[in-house]
């Protein structure tokens, strides 16, 4: 059975449309099921701006259904996978609401720091969600959501590197380490406690230090 979204008999009048090439401003004609099209004027390959790749982030038949996925989609696919990882982690933790709250808080801090400092945000956030689980549970979830083996290895490396000396840490590991510290600081302050002077000094990034200064306000 063909996916209804890709079956031409279900298409409407807007199934064929035109888009402007971002490189030369020439017009490129798209069919709604095109993953990408090459500009006849300059040769740039453009991703279909109206195509919803959401299902391709986890469907094992994505390439058979959509054809050869463009290289630019790899990053998009990883970003979509982090949302599925978050759902699976919360499901695995079940009624452990305290852990779920702490993990969610850590991920929120990690996203803010990651956007300011750079690094692979998909890897950072997946690691933030998975860092409390066993390696076996982490592998099971990543397999379930369809993460590539390389992505799984990078996530595991980031989680393991959090306790390594700063010179050995990648920017992703530093961001996760800072997010974990900020979550810890935030919890102490919300409970009415105070931070010692050395606390903020343990942070690795300027963005995390700025966030630390706003906690408890």
C-alpha atoms as a PDB file:
ATOM      1  CA  UNK A   1       0.000   0.000   0.000  1.00  0.00           C
ATOM      2  CA  UNK A   2       1.363   3.414  -0.989  1.00  0.00           C
ATOM      3  CA  UNK A   3       1.447   6.191   1.590  1.00  0.00           C
ATOM      4  CA  UNK A   4      -1.668   8.344   0.869  1.00  0.00           C
ATOM      5  CA  UNK A   5       0.390  11.495   1.180  1.00  0.00           C
ATOM      6  CA  UNK A   6       2.538  10.371  -1.748  1.00  0.00           C
ATOM      7  CA  UNK A   7      -0.243   8.830  -3.907  1.00  0.00           C
ATOM      8  CA  UNK A   8      -1.126  11.186  -6.813  1.00  0.00           C
ATOM      9  CA  UNK A   9      -4.818  10.221  -6.783  1.00  0.00           C
ATOM     10  CA  UNK A  10      -5.167  12.005  -3.429  1.00  0.00           C
ATOM     11  CA  UNK A  11      -3.436  15.169  -4.633  1.00  0.00           C
ATOM     12  CA  UNK A  12      -5.146  18.555  -4.906  1.00  0.00           C
ATOM     13  CA  UNK A  13      -4.525  21.517  -7.227  1.00  0.00           C
ATOM     14  CA  UNK A  14      -1.615  22.805  -5.142  1.00  0.00           C
ATOM     15  CA  UNK A  15       0.336  19.536  -5.489  1.00  0.00           C
ATOM     16  CA  UNK A  16       2.567  21.193  -8.115  1.00  0.00           C
ATOM     17  CA  UNK A  17       4.122  24.512  -7.161  1.00  0.00           C
ATOM     18  CA  UNK A  18       7.069  26.798  -7.819  1.00  0.00           C
ATOM     19  CA  UNK A  19       9.851  27.852  -5.442  1.00  0.00           C
ATOM     20  CA  UNK A  20      12.701  30.329  -5.736  1.00  0.00           C
ATOM     21  CA  UNK A  21      16.246  28.969  -5.845  1.00  0.00           C
ATOM     22  CA  UNK A  22      18.159  30.360  -2.826  1.00  0.00           C
ATOM     23  CA  UNK A  23      21.382  30.546  -4.855  1.00  0.00           C
ATOM     24  CA  UNK A  24      20.378  32.298  -8.072  1.00  0.00           C
ATOM     25  CA  UNK A  25      16.672  33.244  -7.582  1.00  0.00           C
ATOM     26  CA  UNK A  26      15.588  31.207 -10.587  1.00  0.00           C
ATOM     27  CA  UNK A  27      12.234  29.403 -10.472  1.00  0.00           C
ATOM     28  CA  UNK A  28      12.185  25.688  -9.636  1.00  0.00           C
ATOM     29  CA  UNK A  29       9.042  23.605 -10.213  1.00  0.00           C
ATOM     30  CA  UNK A  30       8.263  21.047  -7.507  1.00  0.00           C
ATOM     31  CA  UNK A  31       5.853  18.138  -7.253  1.00  0.00           C
ATOM     32  CA  UNK A  32       4.706  17.707  -3.654  1.00  0.00           C
ATOM     33  CA  UNK A  33       6.449  14.313  -3.358  1.00  0.00           C
ATOM     34  CA  UNK A  34       9.837  15.580  -4.593  1.00  0.00           C
ATOM     35  CA  UNK A  35      12.370  15.455  -1.764  1.00  0.00           C
ATOM     36  CA  UNK A  36      14.565  17.849  -3.723  1.00  0.00           C
ATOM     37  CA  UNK A  37      15.045  19.316  -7.187  1.00  0.00           C
ATOM     38  CA  UNK A  38      18.112  20.602  -9.026  1.00  0.00           C
ATOM     39  CA  UNK A  39      17.970  24.165 -10.298  1.00  0.00           C
ATOM     40  CA  UNK A  40      18.230  24.152 -14.089  1.00  0.00           C
ATOM     41  CA  UNK A  41      19.942  27.529 -14.010  1.00  0.00           C
ATOM     42  CA  UNK A  42      22.758  27.119 -11.455  1.00  0.00           C
ATOM     43  CA  UNK A  43      22.689  23.417 -10.557  1.00  0.00           C
ATOM     44  CA  UNK A  44      21.954  23.914  -6.852  1.00  0.00           C
ATOM     45  CA  UNK A  45      19.930  21.066  -5.338  1.00  0.00           C
ATOM     46  CA  UNK A  46      17.131  22.501  -3.200  1.00  0.00           C
ATOM     47  CA  UNK A  47      15.098  20.629  -0.570  1.00  0.00           C
ATOM     48  CA  UNK A  48      11.340  20.741  -1.144  1.00  0.00           C
ATOM     49  CA  UNK A  49      10.277  23.686   1.086  1.00  0.00           C
ATOM     50  CA  UNK A  50       6.729  22.365   1.523  1.00  0.00           C
ATOM     51  CA  UNK A  51       7.467  18.736   2.273  1.00  0.00           C
ATOM     52  CA  UNK A  52       6.839  17.377   5.768  1.00  0.00           C
ATOM     53  CA  UNK A  53       9.728  15.054   6.593  1.00  0.00           C
ATOM     54  CA  UNK A  54       8.385  14.279  10.078  1.00  0.00           C
ATOM     55  CA  UNK A  55       7.587  10.616   9.429  1.00  0.00           C
ATOM     56  CA  UNK A  56      11.008  10.111   7.840  1.00  0.00           C
ATOM     57  CA  UNK A  57      12.677  10.840  11.166  1.00  0.00           C
ATOM     58  CA  UNK A  58      11.627   7.442  12.476  1.00  0.00           C
ATOM     59  CA  UNK A  59      10.130   5.373   9.632  1.00  0.00           C
ATOM     60  CA  UNK A  60      12.385   2.495   8.549  1.00  0.00           C
ATOM     61  CA  UNK A  61      10.941   2.712   5.021  1.00  0.00           C
ATOM     62  CA  UNK A  62      11.641   6.433   4.595  1.00  0.00           C
ATOM     63  CA  UNK A  63      14.144   6.085   1.770  1.00  0.00           C
ATOM     64  CA  UNK A  64      11.972   3.618  -0.162  1.00  0.00           C
ATOM     65  CA  UNK A  65       8.957   5.909   0.233  1.00  0.00           C
ATOM     66  CA  UNK A  66      10.609   9.275  -0.362  1.00  0.00           C
ATOM     67  CA  UNK A  67      13.514   8.254  -2.542  1.00  0.00           C
ATOM     68  CA  UNK A  68      17.123   9.147  -1.803  1.00  0.00           C
ATOM     69  CA  UNK A  69      16.948  11.660   1.036  1.00  0.00           C
ATOM     70  CA  UNK A  70      18.997  14.844   0.450  1.00  0.00           C
ATOM     71  CA  UNK A  71      22.168  15.319   2.490  1.00  0.00           C
ATOM     72  CA  UNK A  72      20.740  18.456   4.121  1.00  0.00           C
ATOM     73  CA  UNK A  73      18.005  16.322   5.672  1.00  0.00           C
ATOM     74  CA  UNK A  74      20.426  14.464   7.951  1.00  0.00           C
ATOM     75  CA  UNK A  75      20.521  17.332  10.437  1.00  0.00           C
ATOM     76  CA  UNK A  76      16.752  17.793  10.301  1.00  0.00           C
ATOM     77  CA  UNK A  77      16.223  14.099  10.937  1.00  0.00           C
ATOM     78  CA  UNK A  78      18.454  14.187  14.016  1.00  0.00           C
ATOM     79  CA  UNK A  79      16.594  17.206  15.390  1.00  0.00           C
ATOM     80  CA  UNK A  80      13.279  15.379  15.045  1.00  0.00           C
ATOM     81  CA  UNK A  81      14.686  12.261  16.699  1.00  0.00           C
ATOM     82  CA  UNK A  82      15.401  14.105  19.963  1.00  0.00           C
ATOM     83  CA  UNK A  83      11.667  14.586  20.508  1.00  0.00           C
ATOM     84  CA  UNK A  84      11.052  10.863  20.170  1.00  0.00           C
ATOM     85  CA  UNK A  85      13.942  10.142  22.531  1.00  0.00           C
ATOM     86  CA  UNK A  86      12.374  12.453  25.125  1.00  0.00           C
ATOM     87  CA  UNK A  87       9.059  10.585  24.896  1.00  0.00           C
ATOM     88  CA  UNK A  88      10.718   7.170  25.214  1.00  0.00           C
ATOM     89  CA  UNK A  89      12.834   8.249  28.206  1.00  0.00           C
ATOM     90  CA  UNK A  90       9.766   9.543  30.039  1.00  0.00           C
ATOM     91  CA  UNK A  91       7.999   6.290  29.257  1.00  0.00           C
ATOM     92  CA  UNK A  92      10.955   4.267  30.563  1.00  0.00           C
ATOM     93  CA  UNK A  93      11.013   6.245  33.822  1.00  0.00           C
ATOM     94  CA  UNK A  94       7.313   5.600  34.372  1.00  0.00           C
ATOM     95  CA  UNK A  95       6.177   7.074  37.676  1.00  0.00           C
ATOM     96  CA  UNK A  96       9.581   8.455  38.662  1.00  0.00           C
ATOM     97  CA  UNK A  97       8.350  12.026  38.312  1.00  0.00           C
ATOM     98  CA  UNK A  98      11.285  13.532  40.186  1.00  0.00           C
ATOM     99  CA  UNK A  99      13.756  12.112  37.667  1.00  0.00           C
ATOM    100  CA  UNK A 100      11.549  13.170  34.776  1.00  0.00           C
ATOM    101  CA  UNK A 101      11.407  16.721  36.149  1.00  0.00           C
ATOM    102  CA  UNK A 102      15.174  16.851  36.643  1.00  0.00           C
ATOM    103  CA  UNK A 103      15.912  15.447  33.180  1.00  0.00           C
ATOM    104  CA  UNK A 104      13.482  17.871  31.549  1.00  0.00           C
ATOM    105  CA  UNK A 105      15.090  20.764  33.416  1.00  0.00           C
ATOM    106  CA  UNK A 106      18.565  19.618  32.356  1.00  0.00           C
ATOM    107  CA  UNK A 107      17.455  19.399  28.720  1.00  0.00           C
ATOM    108  CA  UNK A 108      15.959  22.887  28.908  1.00  0.00           C
ATOM    109  CA  UNK A 109      19.240  24.325  30.210  1.00  0.00           C
ATOM    110  CA  UNK A 110      21.207  22.323  27.633  1.00  0.00           C
ATOM    111  CA  UNK A 111      19.114  23.738  24.802  1.00  0.00           C
ATOM    112  CA  UNK A 112      19.636  27.330  25.963  1.00  0.00           C
ATOM    113  CA  UNK A 113      23.391  26.866  26.338  1.00  0.00           C
ATOM    114  CA  UNK A 114      23.672  24.899  23.099  1.00  0.00           C
ATOM    115  CA  UNK A 115      21.943  27.592  21.061  1.00  0.00           C
ATOM    116  CA  UNK A 116      24.383  30.169  22.421  1.00  0.00           C
ATOM    117  CA  UNK A 117      27.582  28.112  22.345  1.00  0.00           C
ATOM    118  CA  UNK A 118      27.089  25.981  19.239  1.00  0.00           C
ATOM    119  CA  UNK A 119      27.696  22.256  18.950  1.00  0.00           C
ATOM    120  CA  UNK A 120      25.339  19.556  17.708  1.00  0.00           C
ATOM    121  CA  UNK A 121      22.076  20.383  19.488  1.00  0.00           C
ATOM    122  CA  UNK A 122      20.464  17.041  18.615  1.00  0.00           C
ATOM    123  CA  UNK A 123      23.362  15.118  20.219  1.00  0.00           C
ATOM    124  CA  UNK A 124      23.368  17.426  23.251  1.00  0.00           C
ATOM    125  CA  UNK A 125      19.644  17.096  23.919  1.00  0.00           C
ATOM    126  CA  UNK A 126      19.503  13.344  23.353  1.00  0.00           C
ATOM    127  CA  UNK A 127      22.418  12.965  25.782  1.00  0.00           C
ATOM    128  CA  UNK A 128      20.620  15.206  28.293  1.00  0.00           C
ATOM    129  CA  UNK A 129      17.539  12.989  28.178  1.00  0.00           C
ATOM    130  CA  UNK A 130      19.454   9.704  28.238  1.00  0.00           C
ATOM    131  CA  UNK A 131      22.242  10.457  30.746  1.00  0.00           C
ATOM    132  CA  UNK A 132      20.506   8.762  33.701  1.00  0.00           C
ATOM    133  CA  UNK A 133      19.670   5.544  31.909  1.00  0.00           C
ATOM    134  CA  UNK A 134      21.860   2.464  31.656  1.00  0.00           C
ATOM    135  CA  UNK A 135      23.837   1.905  28.465  1.00  0.00           C
ATOM    136  CA  UNK A 136      21.535  -1.001  27.612  1.00  0.00           C
ATOM    137  CA  UNK A 137      18.391   1.116  28.038  1.00  0.00           C
ATOM    138  CA  UNK A 138      19.977   3.947  26.045  1.00  0.00           C
ATOM    139  CA  UNK A 139      20.848   1.597  23.185  1.00  0.00           C
ATOM    140  CA  UNK A 140      17.336   0.125  23.206  1.00  0.00           C
ATOM    141  CA  UNK A 141      15.692   3.546  22.973  1.00  0.00           C
ATOM    142  CA  UNK A 142      17.996   4.781  20.210  1.00  0.00           C
ATOM    143  CA  UNK A 143      17.333   1.614  18.235  1.00  0.00           C
ATOM    144  CA  UNK A 144      13.594   1.993  18.761  1.00  0.00           C
ATOM    145  CA  UNK A 145      13.528   5.574  17.439  1.00  0.00           C
ATOM    146  CA  UNK A 146      15.706   4.670  14.459  1.00  0.00           C
ATOM    147  CA  UNK A 147      18.831   6.649  15.360  1.00  0.00           C
ATOM    148  CA  UNK A 148      21.870   5.960  13.204  1.00  0.00           C
ATOM    149  CA  UNK A 149      24.672   3.949  14.814  1.00  0.00           C
ATOM    150  CA  UNK A 150      27.072   6.899  14.514  1.00  0.00           C
ATOM    151  CA  UNK A 151      24.650   9.177  16.332  1.00  0.00           C
ATOM    152  CA  UNK A 152      24.301   6.625  19.125  1.00  0.00           C
ATOM    153  CA  UNK A 153      28.074   6.424  19.485  1.00  0.00           C
ATOM    154  CA  UNK A 154      28.358  10.227  19.662  1.00  0.00           C
ATOM    155  CA  UNK A 155      25.654  10.421  22.343  1.00  0.00           C
ATOM    156  CA  UNK A 156      27.368   7.721  24.426  1.00  0.00           C
ATOM    157  CA  UNK A 157      30.702   9.528  24.069  1.00  0.00           C
ATOM    158  CA  UNK A 158      29.199  12.812  25.286  1.00  0.00           C
ATOM    159  CA  UNK A 159      27.590  11.156  28.311  1.00  0.00           C
ATOM    160  CA  UNK A 160      30.830   9.375  29.236  1.00  0.00           C
ATOM    161  CA  UNK A 161      32.920  12.545  28.760  1.00  0.00           C
ATOM    162  CA  UNK A 162      30.910  14.615  31.240  1.00  0.00           C
ATOM    163  CA  UNK A 163      33.102  13.371  34.098  1.00  0.00           C
ATOM    164  CA  UNK A 164      36.338  13.726  32.112  1.00  0.00           C
ATOM    165  CA  UNK A 165      38.796  16.601  32.723  1.00  0.00           C
ATOM    166  CA  UNK A 166      37.822  19.761  30.752  1.00  0.00           C
ATOM    167  CA  UNK A 167      40.706  19.513  28.207  1.00  0.00           C
ATOM    168  CA  UNK A 168      39.284  16.204  26.990  1.00  0.00           C
ATOM    169  CA  UNK A 169      35.732  17.416  26.625  1.00  0.00           C
ATOM    170  CA  UNK A 170      34.037  18.364  23.386  1.00  0.00           C
ATOM    171  CA  UNK A 171      31.751  21.401  23.341  1.00  0.00           C
ATOM    172  CA  UNK A 172      28.769  19.027  23.527  1.00  0.00           C
ATOM    173  CA  UNK A 173      30.120  17.401  26.713  1.00  0.00           C
ATOM    174  CA  UNK A 174      30.877  20.788  28.276  1.00  0.00           C
ATOM    175  CA  UNK A 175      27.345  21.966  27.534  1.00  0.00           C
ATOM    176  CA  UNK A 176      25.803  18.837  29.061  1.00  0.00           C
ATOM    177  CA  UNK A 177      28.048  19.144  32.126  1.00  0.00           C
ATOM    178  CA  UNK A 178      26.979  22.771  32.551  1.00  0.00           C
ATOM    179  CA  UNK A 179      23.303  21.890  32.110  1.00  0.00           C
ATOM    180  CA  UNK A 180      23.589  19.249  34.828  1.00  0.00           C
ATOM    181  CA  UNK A 181      25.205  21.746  37.180  1.00  0.00           C
ATOM    182  CA  UNK A 182      22.568  24.392  36.461  1.00  0.00           C
ATOM    183  CA  UNK A 183      19.814  21.884  37.182  1.00  0.00           C
ATOM    184  CA  UNK A 184      21.517  21.062  40.466  1.00  0.00           C
ATOM    185  CA  UNK A 185      21.935  24.762  41.359  1.00  0.00           C
ATOM    186  CA  UNK A 186      18.327  25.512  40.448  1.00  0.00           C
ATOM    187  CA  UNK A 187      17.029  22.708  42.653  1.00  0.00           C
ATOM    188  CA  UNK A 188      19.104  23.898  45.629  1.00  0.00           C
ATOM    189  CA  UNK A 189      17.852  27.465  45.268  1.00  0.00           C
ATOM    190  CA  UNK A 190      14.227  26.422  44.849  1.00  0.00           C
ATOM    191  CA  UNK A 191      14.511  24.445  48.089  1.00  0.00           C
ATOM    192  CA  UNK A 192      15.619  27.602  49.882  1.00  0.00           C
ATOM    193  CA  UNK A 193      19.322  26.800  49.947  1.00  0.00           C
ATOM    194  CA  UNK A 194      22.265  28.829  48.695  1.00  0.00           C
ATOM    195  CA  UNK A 195      25.221  28.177  46.407  1.00  0.00           C
ATOM    196  CA  UNK A 196      28.795  28.172  47.619  1.00  0.00           C
ATOM    197  CA  UNK A 197      31.215  30.541  45.913  1.00  0.00           C
ATOM    198  CA  UNK A 198      32.934  27.726  44.029  1.00  0.00           C
ATOM    199  CA  UNK A 199      29.702  26.479  42.460  1.00  0.00           C
ATOM    200  CA  UNK A 200      29.497  28.804  39.427  1.00  0.00           C
ATOM    201  CA  UNK A 201      33.275  28.516  38.972  1.00  0.00           C
ATOM    202  CA  UNK A 202      32.776  24.880  37.974  1.00  0.00           C
ATOM    203  CA  UNK A 203      30.885  25.911  34.839  1.00  0.00           C
ATOM    204  CA  UNK A 204      32.665  25.602  31.494  1.00  0.00           C
ATOM    205  CA  UNK A 205      30.834  28.097  29.277  1.00  0.00           C
ATOM    206  CA  UNK A 206      30.044  31.800  29.443  1.00  0.00           C
ATOM    207  CA  UNK A 207      26.426  31.155  28.517  1.00  0.00           C
ATOM    208  CA  UNK A 208      25.973  28.819  31.489  1.00  0.00           C
ATOM    209  CA  UNK A 209      27.538  31.401  33.805  1.00  0.00           C
ATOM    210  CA  UNK A 210      25.052  33.995  32.570  1.00  0.00           C
ATOM    211  CA  UNK A 211      22.173  31.613  33.203  1.00  0.00           C
ATOM    212  CA  UNK A 212      23.505  30.789  36.673  1.00  0.00           C
ATOM    213  CA  UNK A 213      23.358  34.467  37.579  1.00  0.00           C
ATOM    214  CA  UNK A 214      19.615  34.512  36.857  1.00  0.00           C
ATOM    215  CA  UNK A 215      18.683  31.463  38.937  1.00  0.00           C
ATOM    216  CA  UNK A 216      16.468  32.098  41.928  1.00  0.00           C
ATOM    217  CA  UNK A 217      15.307  35.461  40.625  1.00  0.00           C
END
